[in-house]
Amino acid sequence: MNAMNREQPIPAPQALHDDIPTYDARVLISNGAQAKIVLDGQVYTLRITRAGKLILTK
């Protein structure tokens, strides 16, 4: 089962001092190395590299 088929809600964002929503990437990706993110019908892949960096690709 891939990340798009899971029916787990995304955790609520944590508000920082400037009120910009903040999400933990490892929670978004949950138990893997990548997640799909959809914006206006376009699918993007968010990936955590072995070095612990984030890459967002279309």
C-alpha atoms as a PDB file:
ATOM      1  CA  MET A   1       0.000   0.000   0.000  1.00  0.00           C
ATOM      2  CA  ASN A   2       1.525   3.347  -0.968  1.00  0.00           C
ATOM      3  CA  ALA A   3       1.338   6.656   0.888  1.00  0.00           C
ATOM      4  CA  MET A   4      -1.474   8.023  -1.282  1.00  0.00           C
ATOM      5  CA  ASN A   5      -3.819   5.143  -0.385  1.00  0.00           C
ATOM      6  CA  ARG A   6      -3.424   5.436   3.368  1.00  0.00           C
ATOM      7  CA  GLU A   7      -6.342   7.024   5.107  1.00  0.00           C
ATOM      8  CA  GLN A   8      -4.382   8.576   7.937  1.00  0.00           C
ATOM      9  CA  PRO A   9      -4.978  12.271   8.572  1.00  0.00           C
ATOM     10  CA  ILE A  10      -2.038  14.620   8.299  1.00  0.00           C
ATOM     11  CA  PRO A  11      -1.222  15.937  11.780  1.00  0.00           C
ATOM     12  CA  ALA A  12      -2.194  19.505  12.516  1.00  0.00           C
ATOM     13  CA  PRO A  13       0.619  21.979  11.959  1.00  0.00           C
ATOM     14  CA  GLN A  14       2.438  23.516  14.871  1.00  0.00           C
ATOM     15  CA  ALA A  15       2.339  27.298  14.984  1.00  0.00           C
ATOM     16  CA  LEU A  16       5.677  28.995  15.474  1.00  0.00           C
ATOM     17  CA  HIS A  17       6.295  32.534  16.644  1.00  0.00           C
ATOM     18  CA  ASP A  18       5.462  33.956  13.212  1.00  0.00           C
ATOM     19  CA  ASP A  19       2.292  31.820  12.806  1.00  0.00           C
ATOM     20  CA  ILE A  20       3.577  29.972   9.720  1.00  0.00           C
ATOM     21  CA  PRO A  21       2.404  26.331   9.820  1.00  0.00           C
ATOM     22  CA  THR A  22       5.297  23.943  10.469  1.00  0.00           C
ATOM     23  CA  TYR A  23       5.212  20.233   9.639  1.00  0.00           C
ATOM     24  CA  ASP A  24       7.674  17.517  10.622  1.00  0.00           C
ATOM     25  CA  ALA A  25       8.816  15.964   7.313  1.00  0.00           C
ATOM     26  CA  ARG A  26       9.270  12.556   8.913  1.00  0.00           C
ATOM     27  CA  VAL A  27       5.642  12.617  10.062  1.00  0.00           C
ATOM     28  CA  LEU A  28       4.451  13.589   6.565  1.00  0.00           C
ATOM     29  CA  ILE A  29       6.527  10.820   5.019  1.00  0.00           C
ATOM     30  CA  SER A  30       5.707   8.353   7.833  1.00  0.00           C
ATOM     31  CA  ASN A  31       7.590   5.083   7.782  1.00  0.00           C
ATOM     32  CA  GLY A  32       9.370   5.560   4.480  1.00  0.00           C
ATOM     33  CA  ALA A  33      11.680   7.737   2.483  1.00  0.00           C
ATOM     34  CA  GLN A  34       9.188   9.561   0.272  1.00  0.00           C
ATOM     35  CA  ALA A  35       5.656  10.941   0.054  1.00  0.00           C
ATOM     36  CA  LYS A  36       3.448  12.316  -2.695  1.00  0.00           C
ATOM     37  CA  ILE A  37       2.127  15.875  -2.412  1.00  0.00           C
ATOM     38  CA  VAL A  38      -0.594  17.195  -4.723  1.00  0.00           C
ATOM     39  CA  LEU A  39      -0.972  20.863  -5.653  1.00  0.00           C
ATOM     40  CA  ASP A  40      -3.613  21.933  -8.185  1.00  0.00           C
ATOM     41  CA  GLY A  41      -3.693  18.464  -9.709  1.00  0.00           C
ATOM     42  CA  GLN A  42       0.110  18.243 -10.056  1.00  0.00           C
ATOM     43  CA  VAL A  43       1.842  15.459  -8.122  1.00  0.00           C
ATOM     44  CA  TYR A  44       5.181  16.158  -6.449  1.00  0.00           C
ATOM     45  CA  THR A  45       7.478  13.767  -4.589  1.00  0.00           C
ATOM     46  CA  LEU A  46       9.005  14.761  -1.266  1.00  0.00           C
ATOM     47  CA  ARG A  47      12.031  12.610  -0.484  1.00  0.00           C
ATOM     48  CA  ILE A  48      14.455  12.373   2.428  1.00  0.00           C
ATOM     49  CA  THR A  49      17.966  11.566   1.223  1.00  0.00           C
ATOM     50  CA  ARG A  50      20.440   9.315   3.007  1.00  0.00           C
ATOM     51  CA  ALA A  51      22.186  12.481   4.177  1.00  0.00           C
ATOM     52  CA  GLY A  52      18.961  13.691   5.814  1.00  0.00           C
ATOM     53  CA  LYS A  53      18.198  16.408   3.241  1.00  0.00           C
ATOM     54  CA  LEU A  54      14.800  17.067   1.665  1.00  0.00           C
ATOM     55  CA  ILE A  55      14.219  17.029  -2.083  1.00  0.00           C
ATOM     56  CA  LEU A  56      10.929  18.064  -3.710  1.00  0.00           C
ATOM     57  CA  THR A  57      10.532  17.036  -7.362  1.00  0.00           C
ATOM     58  CA  LYS A  58       7.730  17.128  -9.886  1.00  0.00           C
END
